[in-house]
Structure formats: C-alpha cells, structure tokens
Amino acid sequence: MDKLKRSSTGITGVELISSMRHTDNRGSFSRWFCQNELAESLPGQQIVQINHSVSTQQGTVRGMHFQYPPFAEFKLVRCIAGRVYDVALDLRADSASFMQHVSVELSAENDTMLLIPPGCAHGFQTLTDNAELLYLHTAFYQPDSEGGLRFNDPALKIDWPLPISCVSDRDAQLPMLNQYVSGLKL
C-alpha cells in the first residue's frame, strides 16, 4: 500500500503529493518521501539537495524562482511549520499550460507537498509568522543558472492573499514577464 497519494493540478507535471498520516496512542507517523513511490513523478531523477527556509513575518513573499537548463530541476516543497500560499508558474514554451499557474495552501497540518517540474517558477507567501519550508531538489544549486520573475508582475495574474509585508531586494528587482514571453526551452 502506497504511503504517498499523488494528485494532478491541471498543469502537466505539477502535482500535489499527500502523506497518509497514521495515528495511534503514541502520536503519528507519515512518510514524507519515497524514491520508489515517486518514480513516475520524478522520472530518472534523484534528490541531491535539501534546503530549509524560515520566514518570520506573515505576508512575506519569496519568488518567483527557477533554474535554467541544463540545471533545471524538479522541486518538492513541503511546509513544516505555519502556513503558506504556494505558487507554481508554468514557463515551458511547449506546454499546453504555458503562463498558467496553480496555487495551493501548504501547512504543517495538511501533510501535502507540491511537486514543481523543470521549467516552472516557484514562489510563496507566508500566511502565518514563522513559516518554514523544506525543499527537495533534483539538481544542485547553480548561481549562474538561476532565474526569476517579479512576484508582483500584473502579467502573472497571481493574487497574493495578504498585503506584502516583506520581500528581499533581489526578488523585488527580478525582471518582469516580457523577458520570457517566448518561454523556456528545456
């Protein structure tokens, strides 16, 4: 019996992956990752890096980030404390959902993570103070291959649920969409 349940989101390759929590008198247990169970979602890929972010202030926005080929990556994102509004934006030139995005609430309680495939940008807004995310990556971070789009670009049509309270200087200076109109070639 699988311990991870996969659900599609309407954007090819972007999936919700839910852990099945088992509870008894001791507490609970859930599987957060299994290479075998996720082999179909991560074809031929291995997790090579795990990162952890902490955002202390509600309303903080991080994103929209991605890696250019040949370092484009699958990313699995799970909230381990607090709650976030998580967004995946399809930038793949050959995708039927090019320039569409999906958004989901991830929380420490809902046992769900978002799988973001290569060619999609990722960002989130914290819905609580002290929100923490755990990221599993299939490629090593390459600073010269990082890309991003401005989180508040009206062309992205992302409706952040809270007023923006904090954003990094780097994210505030990311380019607008017009630089990527033709999409990413993977």
C-alpha atoms as a PDB file:
ATOM      1  CA  MET A   1       0.000   0.000   0.000  1.00  0.00           C
ATOM      2  CA  ASP A   2       1.399   3.365  -1.028  1.00  0.00           C
ATOM      3  CA  LYS A   3       2.011   5.893   1.728  1.00  0.00           C
ATOM      4  CA  LEU A   4       2.024   8.877  -0.677  1.00  0.00           C
ATOM      5  CA  LYS A   5      -1.021   9.939  -2.708  1.00  0.00           C
ATOM      6  CA  ARG A   6      -0.416  11.871  -5.937  1.00  0.00           C
ATOM      7  CA  SER A   7      -2.980  14.291  -7.412  1.00  0.00           C
ATOM      8  CA  SER A   8      -2.764  16.325 -10.612  1.00  0.00           C
ATOM      9  CA  THR A   9      -3.286  20.086 -10.575  1.00  0.00           C
ATOM     10  CA  GLY A  10      -4.203  20.948 -14.156  1.00  0.00           C
ATOM     11  CA  ILE A  11      -0.612  21.841 -15.084  1.00  0.00           C
ATOM     12  CA  THR A  12       1.319  18.907 -16.516  1.00  0.00           C
ATOM     13  CA  GLY A  13       3.944  17.709 -14.060  1.00  0.00           C
ATOM     14  CA  VAL A  14       2.787  19.902 -11.167  1.00  0.00           C
ATOM     15  CA  GLU A  15       1.370  17.537  -8.561  1.00  0.00           C
ATOM     16  CA  LEU A  16       0.100  17.592  -5.027  1.00  0.00           C
ATOM     17  CA  ILE A  17       1.581  14.755  -3.011  1.00  0.00           C
ATOM     18  CA  SER A  18      -0.154  13.927   0.239  1.00  0.00           C
ATOM     19  CA  SER A  19       1.283  11.854   3.033  1.00  0.00           C
ATOM     20  CA  MET A  20      -1.014   9.348   4.675  1.00  0.00           C
ATOM     21  CA  ARG A  21      -0.737  10.083   8.407  1.00  0.00           C
ATOM     22  CA  HIS A  22      -1.172   7.113  10.719  1.00  0.00           C
ATOM     23  CA  THR A  23      -2.169   7.958  14.284  1.00  0.00           C
ATOM     24  CA  ASP A  24      -2.289   5.863  17.417  1.00  0.00           C
ATOM     25  CA  ASN A  25      -1.859   6.359  21.164  1.00  0.00           C
ATOM     26  CA  ARG A  26       1.845   7.227  20.684  1.00  0.00           C
ATOM     27  CA  GLY A  27       1.201  10.044  18.201  1.00  0.00           C
ATOM     28  CA  SER A  28       1.520   9.842  14.448  1.00  0.00           C
ATOM     29  CA  PHE A  29       3.739   8.637  11.625  1.00  0.00           C
ATOM     30  CA  SER A  30       3.815   9.642   7.960  1.00  0.00           C
ATOM     31  CA  ARG A  31       6.128   9.096   5.038  1.00  0.00           C
ATOM     32  CA  TRP A  32       7.391  12.331   3.504  1.00  0.00           C
ATOM     33  CA  PHE A  33       9.418  10.940   0.626  1.00  0.00           C
ATOM     34  CA  CYS A  34       9.982   7.621  -1.123  1.00  0.00           C
ATOM     35  CA  GLN A  35      12.006   7.343  -4.329  1.00  0.00           C
ATOM     36  CA  ASN A  36      10.122   4.181  -5.330  1.00  0.00           C
ATOM     37  CA  GLU A  37       6.642   5.609  -4.791  1.00  0.00           C
ATOM     38  CA  LEU A  38       7.510   8.837  -6.649  1.00  0.00           C
ATOM     39  CA  ALA A  39       9.498   7.245  -9.502  1.00  0.00           C
ATOM     40  CA  GLU A  40       6.747   8.015 -12.022  1.00  0.00           C
ATOM     41  CA  SER A  41       6.634  11.674 -10.908  1.00  0.00           C
ATOM     42  CA  LEU A  42      10.440  12.023 -10.871  1.00  0.00           C
ATOM     43  CA  PRO A  43      11.449  10.037 -13.988  1.00  0.00           C
ATOM     44  CA  GLY A  44      15.118   9.105 -13.755  1.00  0.00           C
ATOM     45  CA  GLN A  45      15.756  11.761 -11.098  1.00  0.00           C
ATOM     46  CA  GLN A  46      17.365  11.628  -7.670  1.00  0.00           C
ATOM     47  CA  ILE A  47      17.052  14.073  -4.798  1.00  0.00           C
ATOM     48  CA  VAL A  48      20.516  15.661  -4.467  1.00  0.00           C
ATOM     49  CA  GLN A  49      19.902  18.662  -2.214  1.00  0.00           C
ATOM     50  CA  ILE A  50      17.542  19.584   0.627  1.00  0.00           C
ATOM     51  CA  ASN A  51      17.022  23.193   1.722  1.00  0.00           C
ATOM     52  CA  HIS A  52      15.088  24.753   4.592  1.00  0.00           C
ATOM     53  CA  SER A  53      13.694  28.297   4.683  1.00  0.00           C
ATOM     54  CA  VAL A  54      12.301  30.204   7.645  1.00  0.00           C
ATOM     55  CA  SER A  55      10.200  33.328   7.129  1.00  0.00           C
ATOM     56  CA  THR A  56       9.480  35.089  10.395  1.00  0.00           C
ATOM     57  CA  GLN A  57       6.864  37.604   9.245  1.00  0.00           C
ATOM     58  CA  GLN A  58       3.337  36.906   7.959  1.00  0.00           C
ATOM     59  CA  GLY A  59       2.869  38.303   4.435  1.00  0.00           C
ATOM     60  CA  THR A  60       6.468  37.656   3.351  1.00  0.00           C
ATOM     61  CA  VAL A  61       6.835  36.733  -0.332  1.00  0.00           C
ATOM     62  CA  ARG A  62       9.693  34.685  -1.782  1.00  0.00           C
ATOM     63  CA  GLY A  63       9.892  34.029  -5.520  1.00  0.00           C
ATOM     64  CA  MET A  64       9.245  33.514  -8.357  1.00  0.00           C
ATOM     65  CA  HIS A  65      12.404  31.386  -8.820  1.00  0.00           C
ATOM     66  CA  PHE A  66      13.622  28.719 -11.254  1.00  0.00           C
ATOM     67  CA  GLN A  67      16.859  27.263 -12.664  1.00  0.00           C
ATOM     68  CA  TYR A  68      17.743  27.437 -16.374  1.00  0.00           C
ATOM     69  CA  PRO A  69      18.729  24.284 -18.279  1.00  0.00           C
ATOM     70  CA  PRO A  70      20.898  22.295 -18.020  1.00  0.00           C
ATOM     71  CA  PHE A  71      20.367  22.773 -14.261  1.00  0.00           C
ATOM     72  CA  ALA A  72      16.562  22.927 -14.397  1.00  0.00           C
ATOM     73  CA  GLU A  73      15.200  20.843 -11.553  1.00  0.00           C
ATOM     74  CA  PHE A  74      12.259  19.094 -10.023  1.00  0.00           C
ATOM     75  CA  LYS A  75      11.459  20.651  -6.670  1.00  0.00           C
ATOM     76  CA  LEU A  76       9.331  19.130  -3.900  1.00  0.00           C
ATOM     77  CA  VAL A  77       8.119  21.749  -1.410  1.00  0.00           C
ATOM     78  CA  ARG A  78       6.595  20.972   1.993  1.00  0.00           C
ATOM     79  CA  CYS A  79       5.568  23.358   4.768  1.00  0.00           C
ATOM     80  CA  ILE A  80       6.823  22.064   8.114  1.00  0.00           C
ATOM     81  CA  ALA A  81       5.700  24.974  10.340  1.00  0.00           C
ATOM     82  CA  GLY A  82       2.956  27.546   9.873  1.00  0.00           C
ATOM     83  CA  ARG A  83       1.070  28.007   6.590  1.00  0.00           C
ATOM     84  CA  VAL A  84       1.965  29.331   3.130  1.00  0.00           C
ATOM     85  CA  TYR A  85       0.217  30.167  -0.140  1.00  0.00           C
ATOM     86  CA  ASP A  86       2.426  28.271  -2.602  1.00  0.00           C
ATOM     87  CA  VAL A  87       2.526  29.018  -6.352  1.00  0.00           C
ATOM     88  CA  ALA A  88       3.927  27.152  -9.386  1.00  0.00           C
ATOM     89  CA  LEU A  89       4.015  29.056 -12.702  1.00  0.00           C
ATOM     90  CA  ASP A  90       4.494  27.190 -15.996  1.00  0.00           C
ATOM     91  CA  LEU A  91       7.210  28.837 -18.136  1.00  0.00           C
ATOM     92  CA  ARG A  92       7.707  25.890 -20.541  1.00  0.00           C
ATOM     93  CA  ALA A  93       7.402  27.123 -24.124  1.00  0.00           C
ATOM     94  CA  ASP A  94       5.946  23.841 -25.400  1.00  0.00           C
ATOM     95  CA  SER A  95       3.435  23.361 -22.575  1.00  0.00           C
ATOM     96  CA  ALA A  96      -0.340  23.477 -23.041  1.00  0.00           C
ATOM     97  CA  SER A  97      -0.473  25.407 -19.745  1.00  0.00           C
ATOM     98  CA  PHE A  98       2.253  27.933 -20.678  1.00  0.00           C
ATOM     99  CA  MET A  99       1.947  31.024 -18.435  1.00  0.00           C
ATOM    100  CA  GLN A 100      -0.702  29.464 -16.215  1.00  0.00           C
ATOM    101  CA  HIS A 101      -0.171  28.990 -12.504  1.00  0.00           C
ATOM    102  CA  VAL A 102      -1.572  26.906  -9.698  1.00  0.00           C
ATOM    103  CA  SER A 103      -1.702  27.912  -6.075  1.00  0.00           C
ATOM    104  CA  VAL A 104      -2.254  25.767  -3.008  1.00  0.00           C
ATOM    105  CA  GLU A 105      -2.127  26.233   0.716  1.00  0.00           C
ATOM    106  CA  LEU A 106       0.602  24.172   2.319  1.00  0.00           C
ATOM    107  CA  SER A 107       0.715  23.807   6.079  1.00  0.00           C
ATOM    108  CA  ALA A 108       2.331  21.745   8.773  1.00  0.00           C
ATOM    109  CA  GLU A 109      -1.075  20.149   9.365  1.00  0.00           C
ATOM    110  CA  ASN A 110      -2.233  19.223   5.854  1.00  0.00           C
ATOM    111  CA  ASP A 111       0.555  16.698   5.080  1.00  0.00           C
ATOM    112  CA  THR A 112       0.841  17.894   1.483  1.00  0.00           C
ATOM    113  CA  MET A 113       3.768  18.903  -0.684  1.00  0.00           C
ATOM    114  CA  LEU A 114       3.885  20.440  -4.138  1.00  0.00           C
ATOM    115  CA  LEU A 115       5.953  18.856  -6.914  1.00  0.00           C
ATOM    116  CA  ILE A 116       7.225  21.501  -9.336  1.00  0.00           C
ATOM    117  CA  PRO A 117       8.846  20.241 -12.559  1.00  0.00           C
ATOM    118  CA  PRO A 118      11.704  21.819 -14.531  1.00  0.00           C
ATOM    119  CA  GLY A 119      10.575  24.886 -16.428  1.00  0.00           C
ATOM    120  CA  CYS A 120       8.182  26.089 -13.746  1.00  0.00           C
ATOM    121  CA  ALA A 121       8.841  29.018 -11.433  1.00  0.00           C
ATOM    122  CA  HIS A 122       8.081  28.739  -7.722  1.00  0.00           C
ATOM    123  CA  GLY A 123       7.152  31.268  -5.084  1.00  0.00           C
ATOM    124  CA  PHE A 124       5.120  31.571  -1.900  1.00  0.00           C
ATOM    125  CA  GLN A 125       3.604  33.968   0.595  1.00  0.00           C
ATOM    126  CA  THR A 126       3.578  33.244   4.311  1.00  0.00           C
ATOM    127  CA  LEU A 127       0.081  33.151   5.821  1.00  0.00           C
ATOM    128  CA  THR A 128       1.467  32.969   9.370  1.00  0.00           C
ATOM    129  CA  ASP A 129       4.505  34.209  11.232  1.00  0.00           C
ATOM    130  CA  ASN A 130       7.382  31.735  11.478  1.00  0.00           C
ATOM    131  CA  ALA A 131       6.539  29.671   8.408  1.00  0.00           C
ATOM    132  CA  GLU A 132       9.116  27.043   7.445  1.00  0.00           C
ATOM    133  CA  LEU A 133       9.509  25.222   4.139  1.00  0.00           C
ATOM    134  CA  LEU A 134      11.546  22.152   3.293  1.00  0.00           C
ATOM    135  CA  TYR A 135      12.663  21.881  -0.361  1.00  0.00           C
ATOM    136  CA  LEU A 136      13.929  18.693  -2.016  1.00  0.00           C
ATOM    137  CA  HIS A 137      15.816  19.308  -5.297  1.00  0.00           C
ATOM    138  CA  THR A 138      16.928  17.048  -8.157  1.00  0.00           C
ATOM    139  CA  ALA A 139      19.763  19.379  -9.213  1.00  0.00           C
ATOM    140  CA  PHE A 140      22.456  21.200  -7.322  1.00  0.00           C
ATOM    141  CA  TYR A 141      22.032  24.953  -6.991  1.00  0.00           C
ATOM    142  CA  GLN A 142      23.960  26.796  -9.698  1.00  0.00           C
ATOM    143  CA  PRO A 143      24.048  30.572  -9.072  1.00  0.00           C
ATOM    144  CA  ASP A 144      24.861  31.309 -12.729  1.00  0.00           C
ATOM    145  CA  SER A 145      21.755  29.373 -13.832  1.00  0.00           C
ATOM    146  CA  GLU A 146      19.185  30.884 -11.504  1.00  0.00           C
ATOM    147  CA  GLY A 147      16.288  32.826 -12.936  1.00  0.00           C
ATOM    148  CA  GLY A 148      13.213  34.530 -11.658  1.00  0.00           C
ATOM    149  CA  LEU A 149      10.258  36.760 -12.341  1.00  0.00           C
ATOM    150  CA  ARG A 150       8.946  39.653 -10.309  1.00  0.00           C
ATOM    151  CA  PHE A 151       6.361  38.358  -7.841  1.00  0.00           C
ATOM    152  CA  ASN A 152       4.059  41.360  -8.382  1.00  0.00           C
ATOM    153  CA  ASP A 153       4.147  41.487 -12.200  1.00  0.00           C
ATOM    154  CA  PRO A 154       0.495  42.054 -13.215  1.00  0.00           C
ATOM    155  CA  ALA A 155       1.006  39.815 -16.265  1.00  0.00           C
ATOM    156  CA  LEU A 156       1.482  36.808 -13.951  1.00  0.00           C
ATOM    157  CA  LYS A 157      -2.022  37.311 -12.506  1.00  0.00           C
ATOM    158  CA  ILE A 158      -1.009  35.956  -9.104  1.00  0.00           C
ATOM    159  CA  ASP A 159      -3.462  37.150  -6.470  1.00  0.00           C
ATOM    160  CA  TRP A 160      -1.392  37.091  -3.285  1.00  0.00           C
ATOM    161  CA  PRO A 161      -3.892  36.680  -0.434  1.00  0.00           C
ATOM    162  CA  LEU A 162      -2.301  39.128   2.038  1.00  0.00           C
ATOM    163  CA  PRO A 163      -0.667  42.530   1.755  1.00  0.00           C
ATOM    164  CA  ILE A 164       3.066  42.064   1.078  1.00  0.00           C
ATOM    165  CA  SER A 165       4.937  42.714   4.334  1.00  0.00           C
ATOM    166  CA  CYS A 166       8.462  41.676   3.360  1.00  0.00           C
ATOM    167  CA  VAL A 167      10.354  40.798   0.180  1.00  0.00           C
ATOM    168  CA  SER A 168      14.093  40.596  -0.491  1.00  0.00           C
ATOM    169  CA  ASP A 169      15.833  43.288  -2.537  1.00  0.00           C
ATOM    170  CA  ARG A 170      16.802  40.566  -5.010  1.00  0.00           C
ATOM    171  CA  ASP A 171      13.198  39.401  -5.522  1.00  0.00           C
ATOM    172  CA  ALA A 172      11.930  42.999  -5.775  1.00  0.00           C
ATOM    173  CA  GLN A 173      14.366  43.573  -8.663  1.00  0.00           C
ATOM    174  CA  LEU A 174      13.674  40.408 -10.676  1.00  0.00           C
ATOM    175  CA  PRO A 175      12.643  41.056 -14.285  1.00  0.00           C
ATOM    176  CA  MET A 176       9.086  41.376 -15.489  1.00  0.00           C
ATOM    177  CA  LEU A 177       7.472  38.723 -17.679  1.00  0.00           C
ATOM    178  CA  ASN A 178       8.197  40.403 -21.036  1.00  0.00           C
ATOM    179  CA  GLN A 179      11.721  38.958 -20.926  1.00  0.00           C
ATOM    180  CA  TYR A 180      10.291  35.402 -21.008  1.00  0.00           C
ATOM    181  CA  VAL A 181       7.383  35.781 -23.438  1.00  0.00           C
ATOM    182  CA  SER A 182       8.712  33.004 -25.667  1.00  0.00           C
ATOM    183  CA  GLY A 183       9.107  30.631 -22.686  1.00  0.00           C
ATOM    184  CA  LEU A 184      11.871  28.332 -21.538  1.00  0.00           C
ATOM    185  CA  LYS A 185      13.216  25.649 -23.845  1.00  0.00           C
ATOM    186  CA  LEU A 186      14.052  22.514 -21.886  1.00  0.00           C
END
